[in-house]
PDB file of N, CA and C in Angstrom:
ATOM      1  N   UNK A   1     -57.932 -21.387 -42.045  1.00  0.00           N
ATOM      2  CA  UNK A   1     -59.165 -21.869 -42.624  1.00  0.00           C
ATOM      3  C   UNK A   1     -60.297 -20.766 -43.065  1.00  0.00           C
ATOM      4  N   UNK A   2     -60.796 -20.537 -43.903  1.00  0.00           N
ATOM      5  CA  UNK A   2     -61.928 -19.421 -44.269  1.00  0.00           C
ATOM      6  C   UNK A   2     -63.238 -20.022 -43.792  1.00  0.00           C
ATOM      7  N   UNK A   3     -63.908 -19.122 -42.931  1.00  0.00           N
ATOM      8  CA  UNK A   3     -65.200 -19.480 -42.369  1.00  0.00           C
ATOM      9  C   UNK A   3     -66.197 -18.376 -42.871  1.00  0.00           C
ATOM     10  N   UNK A   4     -67.580 -18.641 -42.634  1.00  0.00           N
ATOM     11  CA  UNK A   4     -68.609 -17.775 -42.794  1.00  0.00           C
ATOM     12  C   UNK A   4     -69.446 -17.677 -41.663  1.00  0.00           C
ATOM     13  N   UNK A   5     -69.693 -16.651 -41.065  1.00  0.00           N
ATOM     14  CA  UNK A   5     -70.526 -16.433 -39.874  1.00  0.00           C
ATOM     15  C   UNK A   5     -71.990 -16.700 -40.083  1.00  0.00           C
ATOM     16  N   UNK A   6     -72.591 -17.325 -38.954  1.00  0.00           N
ATOM     17  CA  UNK A   6     -74.002 -17.597 -39.090  1.00  0.00           C
ATOM     18  C   UNK A   6     -74.582 -16.419 -38.175  1.00  0.00           C
ATOM     19  N   UNK A   7     -75.924 -16.406 -38.061  1.00  0.00           N
ATOM     20  CA  UNK A   7     -76.517 -15.279 -37.536  1.00  0.00           C
ATOM     21  C   UNK A   7     -76.563 -15.642 -35.941  1.00  0.00           C
ATOM     22  N   UNK A   8     -75.874 -16.634 -35.607  1.00  0.00           N
ATOM     23  CA  UNK A   8     -75.920 -16.891 -34.057  1.00  0.00           C
ATOM     24  C   UNK A   8     -75.040 -15.751 -33.274  1.00  0.00           C
ATOM     25  N   UNK A   9     -74.040 -15.144 -33.917  1.00  0.00           N
ATOM     26  CA  UNK A   9     -73.262 -14.298 -33.246  1.00  0.00           C
ATOM     27  C   UNK A   9     -74.368 -13.014 -32.774  1.00  0.00           C
ATOM     28  N   UNK A  10     -75.079 -12.643 -33.716  1.00  0.00           N
ATOM     29  CA  UNK A  10     -76.114 -11.528 -33.822  1.00  0.00           C
ATOM     30  C   UNK A  10     -77.118 -11.875 -32.710  1.00  0.00           C
ATOM     31  N   UNK A  11     -77.781 -13.004 -32.838  1.00  0.00           N
ATOM     32  CA  UNK A  11     -78.673 -13.522 -31.743  1.00  0.00           C
ATOM     33  C   UNK A  11     -78.259 -13.550 -30.174  1.00  0.00           C
ATOM     34  N   UNK A  12     -76.870 -14.035 -30.074  1.00  0.00           N
ATOM     35  CA  UNK A  12     -76.435 -14.003 -28.858  1.00  0.00           C
ATOM     36  C   UNK A  12     -75.661 -12.855 -28.294  1.00  0.00           C
ATOM     37  N   UNK A  13     -75.414 -11.917 -29.220  1.00  0.00           N
ATOM     38  CA  UNK A  13     -74.629 -10.574 -28.726  1.00  0.00           C
ATOM     39  C   UNK A  13     -73.187 -11.075 -28.608  1.00  0.00           C
ATOM     40  N   UNK A  14     -72.412 -11.993 -29.169  1.00  0.00           N
ATOM     41  CA  UNK A  14     -71.263 -12.429 -28.781  1.00  0.00           C
ATOM     42  C   UNK A  14     -70.267 -12.076 -30.227  1.00  0.00           C
ATOM     43  N   UNK A  15     -69.103 -12.065 -29.941  1.00  0.00           N
ATOM     44  CA  UNK A  15     -68.307 -11.778 -31.097  1.00  0.00           C
ATOM     45  C   UNK A  15     -66.981 -12.840 -30.987  1.00  0.00           C
ATOM     46  N   UNK A  16     -66.357 -13.323 -32.016  1.00  0.00           N
ATOM     47  CA  UNK A  16     -65.377 -14.075 -31.751  1.00  0.00           C
ATOM     48  C   UNK A  16     -63.938 -13.422 -31.530  1.00  0.00           C
ATOM     49  N   UNK A  17     -63.272 -14.183 -30.667  1.00  0.00           N
ATOM     50  CA  UNK A  17     -61.888 -13.419 -30.303  1.00  0.00           C
ATOM     51  C   UNK A  17     -61.119 -13.081 -31.538  1.00  0.00           C
ATOM     52  N   UNK A  18     -61.241 -13.521 -32.554  1.00  0.00           N
ATOM     53  CA  UNK A  18     -60.589 -13.093 -33.970  1.00  0.00           C
ATOM     54  C   UNK A  18     -60.990 -11.763 -34.173  1.00  0.00           C
ATOM     55  N   UNK A  19     -62.261 -11.204 -34.138  1.00  0.00           N
ATOM     56  CA  UNK A  19     -62.801 -10.039 -34.432  1.00  0.00           C
ATOM     57  C   UNK A  19     -63.046  -9.135 -33.181  1.00  0.00           C
ATOM     58  N   UNK A  20     -63.098  -7.842 -33.565  1.00  0.00           N
ATOM     59  CA  UNK A  20     -63.488  -6.943 -32.426  1.00  0.00           C
ATOM     60  C   UNK A  20     -64.814  -6.501 -32.400  1.00  0.00           C
ATOM     61  N   UNK A  21     -65.791  -7.086 -33.416  1.00  0.00           N
ATOM     62  CA  UNK A  21     -67.260  -6.754 -33.607  1.00  0.00           C
ATOM     63  C   UNK A  21     -67.887  -7.977 -33.798  1.00  0.00           C
ATOM     64  N   UNK A  22     -69.229  -7.887 -33.609  1.00  0.00           N
ATOM     65  CA  UNK A  22     -70.199  -8.880 -33.909  1.00  0.00           C
ATOM     66  C   UNK A  22     -70.433  -8.881 -35.444  1.00  0.00           C
ATOM     67  N   UNK A  23     -69.965  -9.917 -36.053  1.00  0.00           N
ATOM     68  CA  UNK A  23     -70.041  -9.936 -37.481  1.00  0.00           C
ATOM     69  C   UNK A  23     -71.740 -10.228 -37.937  1.00  0.00           C
ATOM     70  N   UNK A  24     -71.985  -9.770 -39.127  1.00  0.00           N
ATOM     71  CA  UNK A  24     -73.279 -10.110 -39.605  1.00  0.00           C
ATOM     72  C   UNK A  24     -73.278 -11.523 -40.274  1.00  0.00           C
ATOM     73  N   UNK A  25     -74.546 -12.075 -40.353  1.00  0.00           N
ATOM     74  CA  UNK A  25     -74.476 -13.408 -41.200  1.00  0.00           C
ATOM     75  C   UNK A  25     -73.925 -13.360 -42.526  1.00  0.00           C
ATOM     76  N   UNK A  26     -73.152 -14.155 -42.822  1.00  0.00           N
ATOM     77  CA  UNK A  26     -72.393 -14.249 -44.108  1.00  0.00           C
ATOM     78  C   UNK A  26     -71.037 -13.620 -44.124  1.00  0.00           C
ATOM     79  N   UNK A  27     -70.495 -13.032 -43.038  1.00  0.00           N
ATOM     80  CA  UNK A  27     -69.266 -12.212 -42.984  1.00  0.00           C
ATOM     81  C   UNK A  27     -68.215 -13.275 -42.942  1.00  0.00           C
ATOM     82  N   UNK A  28     -67.296 -13.183 -43.702  1.00  0.00           N
ATOM     83  CA  UNK A  28     -66.180 -14.247 -43.912  1.00  0.00           C
ATOM     84  C   UNK A  28     -64.745 -13.721 -43.133  1.00  0.00           C
ATOM     85  N   UNK A  29     -64.250 -14.685 -42.520  1.00  0.00           N
ATOM     86  CA  UNK A  29     -62.811 -14.417 -41.890  1.00  0.00           C
ATOM     87  C   UNK A  29     -62.181 -15.696 -41.684  1.00  0.00           C
ATOM     88  N   UNK A  30     -60.852 -15.456 -41.341  1.00  0.00           N
ATOM     89  CA  UNK A  30     -59.922 -16.664 -41.201  1.00  0.00           C
ATOM     90  C   UNK A  30     -59.812 -17.111 -39.606  1.00  0.00           C
ATOM     91  N   UNK A  31     -59.896 -18.467 -39.464  1.00  0.00           N
ATOM     92  CA  UNK A  31     -59.744 -19.074 -38.207  1.00  0.00           C
ATOM     93  C   UNK A  31     -58.779 -20.181 -38.409  1.00  0.00           C
ATOM     94  N   UNK A  32     -58.050 -20.625 -37.290  1.00  0.00           N
ATOM     95  CA  UNK A  32     -57.292 -21.880 -37.244  1.00  0.00           C
ATOM     96  C   UNK A  32     -58.291 -23.179 -37.053  1.00  0.00           C
ATOM     97  N   UNK A  33     -57.674 -24.298 -37.432  1.00  0.00           N
ATOM     98  CA  UNK A  33     -58.690 -25.515 -37.517  1.00  0.00           C
ATOM     99  C   UNK A  33     -58.984 -25.676 -36.016  1.00  0.00           C
ATOM    100  N   UNK A  34     -58.262 -25.546 -35.094  1.00  0.00           N
ATOM    101  CA  UNK A  34     -58.645 -25.848 -33.617  1.00  0.00           C
ATOM    102  C   UNK A  34     -59.917 -24.908 -33.281  1.00  0.00           C
ATOM    103  N   UNK A  35     -59.680 -23.611 -33.769  1.00  0.00           N
ATOM    104  CA  UNK A  35     -60.651 -22.562 -33.289  1.00  0.00           C
ATOM    105  C   UNK A  35     -62.104 -23.066 -33.989  1.00  0.00           C
ATOM    106  N   UNK A  36     -61.880 -23.371 -35.255  1.00  0.00           N
ATOM    107  CA  UNK A  36     -62.988 -23.842 -36.147  1.00  0.00           C
ATOM    108  C   UNK A  36     -63.732 -24.814 -35.484  1.00  0.00           C
ATOM    109  N   UNK A  37     -63.191 -25.892 -34.866  1.00  0.00           N
ATOM    110  CA  UNK A  37     -63.840 -26.959 -34.156  1.00  0.00           C
ATOM    111  C   UNK A  37     -64.775 -26.336 -32.966  1.00  0.00           C
ATOM    112  N   UNK A  38     -64.187 -25.232 -32.296  1.00  0.00           N
ATOM    113  CA  UNK A  38     -64.777 -24.680 -31.196  1.00  0.00           C
ATOM    114  C   UNK A  38     -66.030 -23.892 -31.693  1.00  0.00           C
ATOM    115  N   UNK A  39     -65.907 -23.069 -32.788  1.00  0.00           N
ATOM    116  CA  UNK A  39     -67.002 -22.368 -33.387  1.00  0.00           C
ATOM    117  C   UNK A  39     -68.048 -23.041 -34.232  1.00  0.00           C
ATOM    118  N   UNK A  40     -67.649 -24.396 -34.458  1.00  0.00           N
ATOM    119  CA  UNK A  40     -68.395 -25.117 -35.208  1.00  0.00           C
ATOM    120  C   UNK A  40     -69.130 -26.163 -34.470  1.00  0.00           C
ATOM    121  N   UNK A  41     -69.409 -25.889 -33.014  1.00  0.00           N
ATOM    122  CA  UNK A  41     -70.185 -26.705 -32.269  1.00  0.00           C
ATOM    123  C   UNK A  41     -69.614 -27.338 -31.072  1.00  0.00           C
ATOM    124  N   UNK A  42     -68.276 -27.497 -30.969  1.00  0.00           N
ATOM    125  CA  UNK A  42     -67.602 -28.035 -29.942  1.00  0.00           C
ATOM    126  C   UNK A  42     -67.468 -26.945 -28.831  1.00  0.00           C
ATOM    127  N   UNK A  43     -68.518 -26.324 -28.503  1.00  0.00           N
ATOM    128  CA  UNK A  43     -68.471 -25.208 -27.320  1.00  0.00           C
ATOM    129  C   UNK A  43     -69.351 -25.665 -26.261  1.00  0.00           C
ATOM    130  N   UNK A  44     -69.235 -24.849 -25.144  1.00  0.00           N
ATOM    131  CA  UNK A  44     -70.279 -25.175 -24.063  1.00  0.00           C
ATOM    132  C   UNK A  44     -71.674 -25.023 -24.489  1.00  0.00           C
ATOM    133  N   UNK A  45     -72.016 -24.132 -25.419  1.00  0.00           N
ATOM    134  CA  UNK A  45     -73.377 -23.914 -25.753  1.00  0.00           C
ATOM    135  C   UNK A  45     -73.984 -25.012 -26.852  1.00  0.00           C
ATOM    136  N   UNK A  46     -72.988 -25.568 -27.476  1.00  0.00           N
ATOM    137  CA  UNK A  46     -73.082 -26.423 -28.409  1.00  0.00           C
ATOM    138  C   UNK A  46     -73.901 -25.861 -29.770  1.00  0.00           C
ATOM    139  N   UNK A  47     -73.339 -24.571 -29.927  1.00  0.00           N
ATOM    140  CA  UNK A  47     -73.946 -23.747 -31.048  1.00  0.00           C
ATOM    141  C   UNK A  47     -73.039 -23.835 -32.147  1.00  0.00           C
ATOM    142  N   UNK A  48     -73.499 -23.681 -33.313  1.00  0.00           N
ATOM    143  CA  UNK A  48     -72.834 -23.676 -34.592  1.00  0.00           C
ATOM    144  C   UNK A  48     -72.598 -21.981 -34.858  1.00  0.00           C
ATOM    145  N   UNK A  49     -71.330 -21.334 -34.752  1.00  0.00           N
ATOM    146  CA  UNK A  49     -71.473 -20.070 -35.053  1.00  0.00           C
ATOM    147  C   UNK A  49     -71.063 -19.520 -36.487  1.00  0.00           C
ATOM    148  N   UNK A  50     -70.181 -20.757 -36.984  1.00  0.00           N
ATOM    149  CA  UNK A  50     -69.485 -20.637 -38.385  1.00  0.00           C
ATOM    150  C   UNK A  50     -69.836 -21.650 -39.287  1.00  0.00           C
ATOM    151  N   UNK A  51     -69.827 -21.559 -40.438  1.00  0.00           N
ATOM    152  CA  UNK A  51     -69.677 -22.643 -41.534  1.00  0.00           C
ATOM    153  C   UNK A  51     -68.387 -22.588 -42.327  1.00  0.00           C
ATOM    154  N   UNK A  52     -67.744 -23.759 -42.680  1.00  0.00           N
ATOM    155  CA  UNK A  52     -66.516 -23.645 -43.447  1.00  0.00           C
ATOM    156  C   UNK A  52     -66.817 -23.265 -44.860  1.00  0.00           C
ATOM    157  N   UNK A  53     -65.909 -22.534 -45.339  1.00  0.00           N
ATOM    158  CA  UNK A  53     -65.993 -22.015 -46.906  1.00  0.00           C
ATOM    159  C   UNK A  53     -64.882 -22.915 -47.508  1.00  0.00           C
ATOM    160  N   UNK A  54     -63.909 -22.710 -47.179  1.00  0.00           N
ATOM    161  CA  UNK A  54     -62.509 -23.342 -47.673  1.00  0.00           C
ATOM    162  C   UNK A  54     -61.744 -24.272 -46.784  1.00  0.00           C
ATOM    163  N   UNK A  55     -61.468 -25.509 -47.007  1.00  0.00           N
ATOM    164  CA  UNK A  55     -60.590 -26.112 -46.110  1.00  0.00           C
ATOM    165  C   UNK A  55     -59.267 -26.365 -46.839  1.00  0.00           C
ATOM    166  N   UNK A  56     -58.124 -25.658 -46.190  1.00  0.00           N
ATOM    167  CA  UNK A  56     -56.881 -25.750 -46.748  1.00  0.00           C
ATOM    168  C   UNK A  56     -56.149 -27.065 -46.503  1.00  0.00           C
ATOM    169  N   UNK A  57     -55.676 -27.664 -47.596  1.00  0.00           N
ATOM    170  CA  UNK A  57     -55.035 -28.973 -47.474  1.00  0.00           C
ATOM    171  C   UNK A  57     -53.661 -28.921 -48.230  1.00  0.00           C
ATOM    172  N   UNK A  58     -52.817 -29.294 -47.647  1.00  0.00           N
ATOM    173  CA  UNK A  58     -51.547 -29.287 -48.578  1.00  0.00           C
ATOM    174  C   UNK A  58     -51.609 -30.349 -49.542  1.00  0.00           C
ATOM    175  N   UNK A  59     -51.454 -29.902 -50.898  1.00  0.00           N
ATOM    176  CA  UNK A  59     -51.507 -30.657 -51.980  1.00  0.00           C
ATOM    177  C   UNK A  59     -50.166 -30.628 -52.530  1.00  0.00           C
ATOM    178  N   UNK A  60     -49.578 -31.798 -52.770  1.00  0.00           N
ATOM    179  CA  UNK A  60     -48.239 -32.171 -53.227  1.00  0.00           C
ATOM    180  C   UNK A  60     -48.460 -32.318 -54.658  1.00  0.00           C
ATOM    181  N   UNK A  61     -47.965 -31.588 -55.660  1.00  0.00           N
ATOM    182  CA  UNK A  61     -48.067 -31.867 -57.020  1.00  0.00           C
ATOM    183  C   UNK A  61     -46.640 -32.526 -57.272  1.00  0.00           C
ATOM    184  N   UNK A  62     -46.680 -33.856 -57.865  1.00  0.00           N
ATOM    185  CA  UNK A  62     -45.625 -34.390 -58.257  1.00  0.00           C
ATOM    186  C   UNK A  62     -45.384 -33.977 -59.829  1.00  0.00           C
ATOM    187  N   UNK A  63     -44.039 -33.904 -60.058  1.00  0.00           N
ATOM    188  CA  UNK A  63     -43.731 -33.431 -61.388  1.00  0.00           C
ATOM    189  C   UNK A  63     -42.869 -34.743 -61.840  1.00  0.00           C
ATOM    190  N   UNK A  64     -43.272 -35.351 -62.981  1.00  0.00           N
ATOM    191  CA  UNK A  64     -42.388 -36.443 -63.428  1.00  0.00           C
ATOM    192  C   UNK A  64     -41.904 -36.038 -64.708  1.00  0.00           C
ATOM    193  N   UNK A  65     -40.589 -36.330 -64.850  1.00  0.00           N
ATOM    194  CA  UNK A  65     -39.946 -35.946 -66.185  1.00  0.00           C
ATOM    195  C   UNK A  65     -39.656 -37.247 -66.892  1.00  0.00           C
ATOM    196  N   UNK A  66     -39.907 -37.480 -67.927  1.00  0.00           N
ATOM    197  CA  UNK A  66     -39.589 -38.599 -68.708  1.00  0.00           C
ATOM    198  C   UNK A  66     -38.003 -38.497 -69.298  1.00  0.00           C
ATOM    199  N   UNK A  67     -37.193 -39.469 -69.242  1.00  0.00           N
ATOM    200  CA  UNK A  67     -35.819 -39.351 -69.724  1.00  0.00           C
ATOM    201  C   UNK A  67     -36.047 -39.694 -71.290  1.00  0.00           C
ATOM    202  N   UNK A  68     -35.355 -38.757 -72.102  1.00  0.00           N
ATOM    203  CA  UNK A  68     -35.432 -38.886 -73.630  1.00  0.00           C
ATOM    204  C   UNK A  68     -34.009 -39.367 -73.578  1.00  0.00           C
ATOM    205  N   UNK A  69     -33.860 -40.492 -74.443  1.00  0.00           N
ATOM    206  CA  UNK A  69     -32.509 -40.988 -74.946  1.00  0.00           C
ATOM    207  C   UNK A  69     -32.329 -40.438 -76.222  1.00  0.00           C
ATOM    208  N   UNK A  70     -31.224 -39.647 -76.322  1.00  0.00           N
ATOM    209  CA  UNK A  70     -30.920 -39.390 -77.599  1.00  0.00           C
ATOM    210  C   UNK A  70     -29.539 -40.233 -78.337  1.00  0.00           C
ATOM    211  N   UNK A  71     -29.795 -40.521 -79.460  1.00  0.00           N
ATOM    212  CA  UNK A  71     -28.581 -41.214 -80.049  1.00  0.00           C
ATOM    213  C   UNK A  71     -28.176 -40.261 -81.054  1.00  0.00           C
ATOM    214  N   UNK A  72     -26.784 -40.301 -81.131  1.00  0.00           N
ATOM    215  CA  UNK A  72     -25.900 -39.466 -81.966  1.00  0.00           C
ATOM    216  C   UNK A  72     -25.176 -40.716 -82.844  1.00  0.00           C
ATOM    217  N   UNK A  73     -25.262 -40.481 -84.088  1.00  0.00           N
ATOM    218  CA  UNK A  73     -24.585 -41.262 -84.879  1.00  0.00           C
ATOM    219  C   UNK A  73     -23.243 -40.607 -85.352  1.00  0.00           C
ATOM    220  N   UNK A  74     -22.162 -41.525 -85.279  1.00  0.00           N
ATOM    221  CA  UNK A  74     -20.861 -41.012 -85.311  1.00  0.00           C
ATOM    222  C   UNK A  74     -20.637 -41.019 -86.877  1.00  0.00           C
ATOM    223  N   UNK A  75     -19.851 -39.912 -87.408  1.00  0.00           N
ATOM    224  CA  UNK A  75     -19.663 -39.864 -88.797  1.00  0.00           C
ATOM    225  C   UNK A  75     -18.342 -40.384 -88.979  1.00  0.00           C
ATOM    226  N   UNK A  76     -18.232 -41.345 -90.104  1.00  0.00           N
ATOM    227  CA  UNK A  76     -17.030 -41.961 -90.614  1.00  0.00           C
ATOM    228  C   UNK A  76     -16.125 -41.285 -91.349  1.00  0.00           C
TER     229      UNK A  76
END
């Protein structure tokens, strides 16, 4: 899942374990859905560190084909 960092990382002087630096507000990076829940407020500080940009969902596209009946006339 792609997320955008808020300014909370800079305010608190913390960095996410996915990055080796403190991201600026607006910095985009990838996290898992479980990690997103933690960074989005389910942490001990109850602070929102990231915002979701793109939620990956599995989309199944079904392709339907119509059967075309062909008739062939026999020659006499």
